[in-house]
Amino acid sequence: MKKFINQVDDVLAESLTGFASAHANIVSLNLEPHFLTRRHKAENKVAIISGGGSGHEPLHGGYIGYGMLDAACPGHVFTSPSPDQMLAAAEAVHAGKGVLFIVKNYAGDVMNFEMAAEMLPFESATVLTSDDVAVENSTYTTGRRGVAGTVIVEKVVGSLAETGADLAACKALGDKVNSRTASMGVALTSCTVPAAGRPTFDIGDTELEMGVGIHGEPGRRREPMRNADAIVADMVAAILEDLKPAAGSEVLLLVNGFAATPLMELYLLYNSAAKLLQDKGLNVTRSLVGNYITALDMAGASITICLLDDEIRQHWDSPVHTAALRWQR
């Protein structure tokens, strides 16, 4: 294993320290327990908090800032953060209107966020993201996994929270976005967890894993490598079978890299997916291409489609300023 590390046990703390230093105008870091918050605490708004295992950067710390998250709780690599991290983060950013947790549907994350919510001295609610159409169940989840669609939920709900909307409204919008979003991933190589020192799974040079999870969980099937158009066609078909969009629907198309796939290839995948959607009578009016929820050093990508409406589009377009996502209206 060749990685830029000092000691395996220090990877998370050193990485978080570097991140917080590089983006000191946006985030603050607490190390005991680990959590990140906005540098300047927001006032009189629902506090939006997410978190999960590290190794998926820029998720979630990269999305702290105006228009998205107020705090994020990073666990160790591919390991859920603990309830005490979530509790401490919530107490640090609570701004008088309750806390909304945005939680990817993995058993450890769900259990620990639920435990934290039960201990909070103020009102809270949870949006559970479950956009992965690849499998219904896995060793990590009960039901569908939360993957790249989580970024869309965090952006849209974060925007609504900035308007002063109440906790119920923020949760309702998060649930709506999740219900209108679906994702499918594919891997060309495995990832290597630093503590393990070897690839999570073995895959041949002429194979791909269709429907892979962001921790290297098995997908729908192992199959021979094919050209990009054929791979994208299968991914988009699975997503559309789930969403069943009406002809003429307006969609957001996110092509997400797992960290080791060049942008040149990600844009090629986007081109293929956009043409397919156009041929099926769907209008791609919003797009995002890049590494937004990764899997350490895995080569691969995911495609996410979100069915837009006026409300979702408005909050997707609204200003955002974070380390990993930023734009003005």
Protein backbone atom coordinates (compact mmCIF):
# COMPACT_ATOMS: atom_id res chain seq x y z
CA MET A 1 0.00 0.00 0.00
CA LYS A 2 1.38 3.40 -1.01
CA LYS A 3 -0.42 6.37 0.55
CA PHE A 4 0.56 9.79 1.82
CA ILE A 5 0.22 9.08 5.55
CA ASN A 6 2.36 9.30 8.66
CA GLN A 7 0.73 6.95 11.17
CA VAL A 8 -2.50 5.14 10.28
CA ASP A 9 -4.09 6.12 13.60
CA ASP A 10 -3.40 9.81 12.94
CA VAL A 11 -4.82 10.05 9.41
CA LEU A 12 -8.19 11.49 10.39
CA ALA A 13 -6.97 14.09 12.89
CA GLU A 14 -4.20 15.29 10.59
CA SER A 15 -6.48 15.46 7.57
CA LEU A 16 -9.16 17.37 9.49
CA THR A 17 -6.56 19.77 10.83
CA GLY A 18 -5.29 20.43 7.32
CA PHE A 19 -8.82 20.93 5.99
CA ALA A 20 -9.73 23.37 8.76
CA SER A 21 -6.50 25.30 8.26
CA ALA A 22 -6.94 25.50 4.49
CA HIS A 23 -10.52 26.77 4.87
CA ALA A 24 -10.19 28.73 8.11
CA ASN A 25 -12.47 31.48 6.81
CA ILE A 26 -15.34 28.96 6.47
CA VAL A 27 -14.98 26.23 9.12
CA SER A 28 -13.80 25.62 12.67
CA LEU A 29 -12.55 22.26 13.97
CA ASN A 30 -13.15 20.66 17.33
CA LEU A 31 -10.97 17.60 18.03
CA GLU A 32 -12.39 16.30 21.32
CA PRO A 33 -14.74 14.96 20.07
CA HIS A 34 -14.25 15.44 16.31
CA PHE A 35 -16.70 17.77 14.62
CA LEU A 36 -16.61 20.73 12.24
CA THR A 37 -18.80 23.84 12.35
CA ARG A 38 -19.21 27.09 10.48
CA ARG A 39 -16.56 29.62 11.40
CA HIS A 40 -19.32 32.16 12.07
CA LYS A 41 -22.33 30.63 13.78
CA ALA A 42 -25.65 31.31 12.09
CA GLU A 43 -28.47 32.78 14.16
CA ASN A 44 -32.22 32.23 14.26
CA LYS A 45 -32.35 29.33 11.82
CA VAL A 46 -32.72 25.58 11.82
CA ALA A 47 -29.25 24.08 12.24
CA ILE A 48 -28.47 21.53 9.52
CA ILE A 49 -26.07 18.76 10.59
CA SER A 50 -24.76 15.73 8.72
CA GLY A 51 -21.94 13.28 9.09
CA GLY A 52 -20.66 9.80 8.47
CA GLY A 53 -17.48 7.87 7.99
CA SER A 54 -14.47 9.64 6.53
CA GLY A 55 -13.08 8.62 3.15
CA HIS A 56 -15.91 10.27 1.20
CA GLU A 57 -14.42 13.76 1.05
CA PRO A 58 -15.57 16.41 0.36
CA LEU A 59 -18.67 14.91 2.01
CA HIS A 60 -19.56 16.16 4.63
CA GLY A 61 -17.14 18.76 5.94
CA GLY A 62 -16.71 20.28 2.51
CA TYR A 63 -20.37 21.30 2.55
CA ILE A 64 -20.27 23.36 5.73
CA GLY A 65 -21.01 27.02 5.11
CA TYR A 66 -23.63 29.47 3.97
CA GLY A 67 -26.48 27.74 2.15
CA MET A 68 -25.66 24.20 3.28
CA LEU A 69 -24.53 22.66 6.57
CA ASP A 70 -23.94 24.20 9.96
CA ALA A 71 -21.89 21.25 11.22
CA ALA A 72 -20.55 17.83 10.22
CA CYS A 73 -19.43 14.86 12.29
CA PRO A 74 -16.65 12.76 10.70
CA GLY A 75 -16.16 9.19 11.89
CA HIS A 76 -13.03 7.20 11.19
CA VAL A 77 -12.64 5.85 7.65
CA PHE A 78 -15.89 4.16 6.62
CA THR A 79 -16.98 4.15 10.29
CA SER A 80 -19.98 5.95 11.75
CA PRO A 81 -19.39 8.94 14.01
CA SER A 82 -20.39 8.46 17.63
CA PRO A 83 -23.45 9.94 19.38
CA ASP A 84 -21.23 12.17 21.53
CA GLN A 85 -19.83 13.80 18.38
CA MET A 86 -23.34 14.49 17.10
CA LEU A 87 -24.56 15.76 20.45
CA ALA A 88 -21.59 18.12 20.85
CA ALA A 89 -21.96 19.41 17.29
CA ALA A 90 -25.70 20.01 17.75
CA GLU A 91 -25.17 21.91 20.98
CA ALA A 92 -22.48 24.04 19.30
CA VAL A 93 -24.62 25.16 16.35
CA HIS A 94 -28.18 25.15 17.71
CA ALA A 95 -29.61 28.56 16.86
CA GLY A 96 -32.99 28.52 18.55
CA LYS A 97 -35.06 26.74 15.88
CA GLY A 98 -34.10 23.11 16.35
CA VAL A 99 -31.72 20.77 14.54
CA LEU A 100 -32.22 18.78 11.36
CA PHE A 101 -29.97 15.76 10.91
CA ILE A 102 -29.35 14.61 7.33
CA VAL A 103 -28.32 10.96 7.60
CA LYS A 104 -27.28 8.49 4.91
CA ASN A 105 -29.08 5.17 5.31
CA TYR A 106 -26.35 3.03 6.87
CA ALA A 107 -27.13 1.07 10.01
CA GLY A 108 -24.42 2.60 12.21
CA ASP A 109 -25.15 6.16 11.12
CA VAL A 110 -28.88 5.77 11.67
CA MET A 111 -28.47 4.18 15.11
CA ASN A 112 -25.97 6.74 16.38
CA PHE A 113 -27.87 9.76 15.10
CA GLU A 114 -31.03 8.39 16.72
CA MET A 115 -29.22 8.03 20.03
CA ALA A 116 -27.94 11.59 19.79
CA ALA A 117 -31.39 12.94 18.94
CA GLU A 118 -32.85 11.29 22.04
CA MET A 119 -30.31 13.10 24.23
CA LEU A 120 -30.81 16.57 22.76
CA PRO A 121 -32.43 19.16 25.05
CA PHE A 122 -34.15 20.81 22.06
CA GLU A 123 -36.29 19.80 19.10
CA SER A 124 -34.79 17.77 16.26
CA ALA A 125 -35.82 15.87 13.16
CA THR A 126 -34.08 13.61 10.64
CA VAL A 127 -34.03 13.26 6.87
CA LEU A 128 -32.82 9.82 5.82
CA THR A 129 -31.25 9.73 2.36
CA SER A 130 -31.78 6.54 0.35
CA ASP A 131 -31.17 7.30 -3.30
CA ASP A 132 -29.09 4.25 -4.33
CA VAL A 133 -31.18 2.07 -6.65
CA ALA A 134 -28.53 -0.65 -6.92
CA VAL A 135 -29.74 -2.82 -4.05
CA GLU A 136 -32.64 -2.96 -1.66
CA ASN A 137 -30.57 -4.28 1.22
CA SER A 138 -26.90 -4.75 2.04
CA THR A 139 -24.76 -5.64 5.03
CA TYR A 140 -24.58 -1.90 5.79
CA THR A 141 -28.25 -0.98 5.49
CA THR A 142 -31.85 -1.86 5.95
CA GLY A 143 -33.31 -0.61 2.70
CA ARG A 144 -31.55 1.55 0.13
CA ARG A 145 -28.22 3.23 0.73
CA GLY A 146 -27.73 6.99 0.85
CA VAL A 147 -25.14 8.08 -1.70
CA ALA A 148 -24.54 11.11 -3.97
CA GLY A 149 -28.13 12.31 -3.74
CA THR A 150 -27.22 13.35 -0.20
CA VAL A 151 -25.34 16.34 -1.66
CA ILE A 152 -28.50 17.54 -3.40
CA VAL A 153 -30.57 17.14 -0.23
CA GLU A 154 -28.00 19.08 1.81
CA LYS A 155 -27.86 21.92 -0.74
CA VAL A 156 -31.62 22.30 -1.15
CA VAL A 157 -32.51 21.99 2.54
CA GLY A 158 -29.59 24.20 3.53
CA SER A 159 -30.95 26.93 1.28
CA LEU A 160 -34.43 26.69 2.79
CA ALA A 161 -33.01 26.88 6.31
CA GLU A 162 -31.26 30.15 5.45
CA THR A 163 -34.68 31.73 4.78
CA GLY A 164 -35.73 31.14 8.40
CA ALA A 165 -38.10 28.26 7.58
CA ASP A 166 -39.11 26.10 10.53
CA LEU A 167 -37.95 22.57 11.30
CA ALA A 168 -41.04 20.86 9.89
CA ALA A 169 -40.70 22.66 6.56
CA CYS A 170 -36.99 21.81 6.28
CA LYS A 171 -37.66 18.13 6.98
CA ALA A 172 -40.55 18.03 4.52
CA LEU A 173 -38.42 19.48 1.73
CA GLY A 174 -35.55 17.10 2.50
CA ASP A 175 -37.88 14.11 2.33
CA LYS A 176 -39.33 15.37 -0.94
CA VAL A 177 -35.93 15.81 -2.57
CA ASN A 178 -34.88 12.34 -1.44
CA SER A 179 -38.04 10.82 -2.92
CA ARG A 180 -37.34 12.50 -6.26
CA THR A 181 -33.66 11.49 -6.46
CA ALA A 182 -32.03 8.23 -7.56
CA SER A 183 -28.41 7.13 -8.07
CA MET A 184 -26.41 4.25 -9.51
CA GLY A 185 -22.67 3.63 -9.18
CA VAL A 186 -20.06 1.58 -11.01
CA ALA A 187 -16.51 0.69 -9.97
CA LEU A 188 -13.50 -0.18 -12.11
CA THR A 189 -11.18 -0.79 -9.14
CA SER A 190 -11.51 -1.27 -5.41
CA CYS A 191 -10.55 1.21 -2.73
CA THR A 192 -7.95 0.59 -0.02
CA VAL A 193 -8.77 1.47 3.59
CA PRO A 194 -5.50 2.66 5.23
CA ALA A 195 -5.97 0.48 8.31
CA ALA A 196 -6.53 -2.61 6.14
CA GLY A 197 -3.60 -1.99 3.82
CA ARG A 198 -5.09 -3.93 0.91
CA PRO A 199 -7.98 -3.46 -1.57
CA THR A 200 -11.44 -4.02 -0.12
CA PHE A 201 -12.36 -6.37 -2.96
CA ASP A 202 -10.58 -8.03 -5.87
CA ILE A 203 -11.62 -7.19 -9.41
CA GLY A 204 -10.00 -8.21 -12.66
CA ASP A 205 -8.45 -5.80 -15.14
CA THR A 206 -11.25 -6.56 -17.63
CA GLU A 207 -14.15 -6.42 -15.13
CA LEU A 208 -16.39 -3.81 -13.55
CA GLU A 209 -18.73 -3.87 -10.53
CA MET A 210 -22.16 -2.54 -11.50
CA GLY A 211 -24.07 -0.98 -8.60
CA VAL A 212 -21.12 -0.77 -6.21
CA GLY A 213 -21.55 1.00 -2.87
CA ILE A 214 -19.41 3.89 -1.67
CA HIS A 215 -17.64 1.64 0.86
CA GLY A 216 -16.86 -1.00 -1.75
CA GLU A 217 -19.99 -3.04 -1.03
CA PRO A 218 -20.87 -5.53 -3.78
CA GLY A 219 -23.18 -4.24 -6.49
CA ARG A 220 -25.84 -5.84 -8.62
CA ARG A 221 -23.37 -7.87 -10.64
CA ARG A 222 -19.77 -8.33 -11.73
CA GLU A 223 -19.50 -8.09 -15.51
CA PRO A 224 -16.98 -7.63 -18.33
CA MET A 225 -15.72 -4.15 -19.09
CA ARG A 226 -17.64 -2.47 -21.91
CA ASN A 227 -17.62 0.89 -23.65
CA ALA A 228 -18.82 3.94 -21.73
CA ASP A 229 -22.09 4.37 -23.62
CA ALA A 230 -23.17 0.82 -22.77
CA ILE A 231 -22.26 1.25 -19.10
CA VAL A 232 -24.14 4.56 -18.86
CA ALA A 233 -27.17 3.10 -20.62
CA ASP A 234 -27.51 0.43 -17.92
CA MET A 235 -27.04 2.96 -15.11
CA VAL A 236 -29.55 5.43 -16.50
CA ALA A 237 -32.08 2.66 -17.22
CA ALA A 238 -31.96 1.54 -13.59
CA ILE A 239 -32.46 5.10 -12.36
CA LEU A 240 -35.35 5.87 -14.70
CA GLU A 241 -37.04 2.58 -13.85
CA ASP A 242 -37.05 3.77 -10.25
CA LEU A 243 -38.06 7.41 -10.78
CA LYS A 244 -40.50 6.83 -13.67
CA PRO A 245 -40.37 10.47 -14.82
CA ALA A 246 -43.03 11.84 -17.13
CA ALA A 247 -41.95 12.96 -20.59
CA GLY A 248 -40.87 16.58 -20.50
CA SER A 249 -39.71 16.41 -16.89
CA GLU A 250 -36.96 18.80 -15.87
CA VAL A 251 -33.99 17.10 -14.17
CA LEU A 252 -30.71 17.78 -12.43
CA LEU A 253 -27.95 15.45 -13.62
CA LEU A 254 -25.02 14.79 -11.27
CA VAL A 255 -22.06 12.73 -12.47
CA ASN A 256 -19.93 12.01 -9.43
CA GLY A 257 -16.43 10.57 -9.34
CA PHE A 258 -15.23 8.14 -6.67
CA ALA A 259 -11.82 9.94 -6.56
CA ALA A 260 -9.57 8.07 -9.01
CA THR A 261 -11.44 8.72 -12.26
CA PRO A 262 -10.18 11.68 -14.32
CA LEU A 263 -12.50 14.59 -15.00
CA MET A 264 -12.06 13.93 -18.71
CA GLU A 265 -13.82 10.58 -18.23
CA LEU A 266 -16.48 12.04 -15.92
CA TYR A 267 -17.43 14.61 -18.55
CA LEU A 268 -17.55 11.83 -21.15
CA LEU A 269 -20.01 9.97 -18.89
CA TYR A 270 -22.04 13.16 -18.49
CA ASN A 271 -22.18 13.60 -22.26
CA SER A 272 -23.46 10.06 -22.71
CA ALA A 273 -26.06 10.36 -19.92
CA ALA A 274 -27.32 13.77 -21.07
CA LYS A 275 -27.87 12.52 -24.62
CA LEU A 276 -29.75 9.48 -23.32
CA LEU A 277 -32.02 11.63 -21.17
CA GLN A 278 -32.69 14.00 -24.05
CA ASP A 279 -33.59 11.05 -26.29
CA LYS A 280 -36.10 9.96 -23.65
CA GLY A 281 -37.77 13.36 -23.62
CA LEU A 282 -36.25 14.64 -20.39
CA ASN A 283 -34.79 18.13 -20.02
CA VAL A 284 -31.43 18.40 -18.24
CA THR A 285 -31.55 21.99 -16.96
CA ARG A 286 -29.13 21.70 -14.03
CA SER A 287 -25.88 19.75 -13.83
CA LEU A 288 -22.88 18.99 -11.65
CA VAL A 289 -19.76 17.01 -12.59
CA GLY A 290 -16.84 16.18 -10.31
CA ASN A 291 -15.80 14.44 -7.10
CA TYR A 292 -18.53 15.23 -4.59
CA ILE A 293 -18.88 11.99 -2.60
CA THR A 294 -15.86 9.76 -3.03
CA ALA A 295 -14.68 6.33 -1.93
CA LEU A 296 -11.04 6.85 -1.01
CA ASP A 297 -9.00 5.84 -4.08
CA MET A 298 -11.67 3.93 -5.99
CA ALA A 299 -11.84 4.31 -9.76
CA GLY A 300 -15.46 4.62 -10.75
CA ALA A 301 -18.39 6.97 -10.86
CA SER A 302 -22.04 7.35 -10.05
CA ILE A 303 -24.91 8.98 -11.88
CA THR A 304 -27.64 10.78 -9.95
CA ILE A 305 -30.85 12.22 -11.34
CA CYS A 306 -33.14 14.52 -9.37
CA LEU A 307 -36.60 15.44 -10.67
CA LEU A 308 -36.85 19.19 -10.33
CA ASP A 309 -39.85 21.34 -9.52
CA ASP A 310 -40.03 25.08 -8.90
CA GLU A 311 -39.21 24.76 -5.19
CA ILE A 312 -36.25 22.40 -5.60
CA ARG A 313 -34.84 24.41 -8.51
CA GLN A 314 -35.09 27.67 -6.56
CA HIS A 315 -33.14 26.29 -3.62
CA TRP A 316 -30.59 24.52 -5.81
CA ASP A 317 -29.89 27.80 -7.61
CA SER A 318 -29.64 29.91 -4.44
CA PRO A 319 -26.20 31.17 -3.28
CA VAL A 320 -23.91 28.73 -1.50
CA HIS A 321 -20.43 29.22 -0.07
CA THR A 322 -18.62 26.14 1.20
CA ALA A 323 -15.18 24.64 0.67
CA ALA A 324 -16.44 22.25 -2.02
CA LEU A 325 -19.52 23.90 -3.50
CA ARG A 326 -20.01 27.58 -4.10
CA TRP A 327 -21.88 29.86 -6.47
CA GLN A 328 -23.87 33.06 -6.55
CA ARG A 329 -27.32 33.49 -8.00
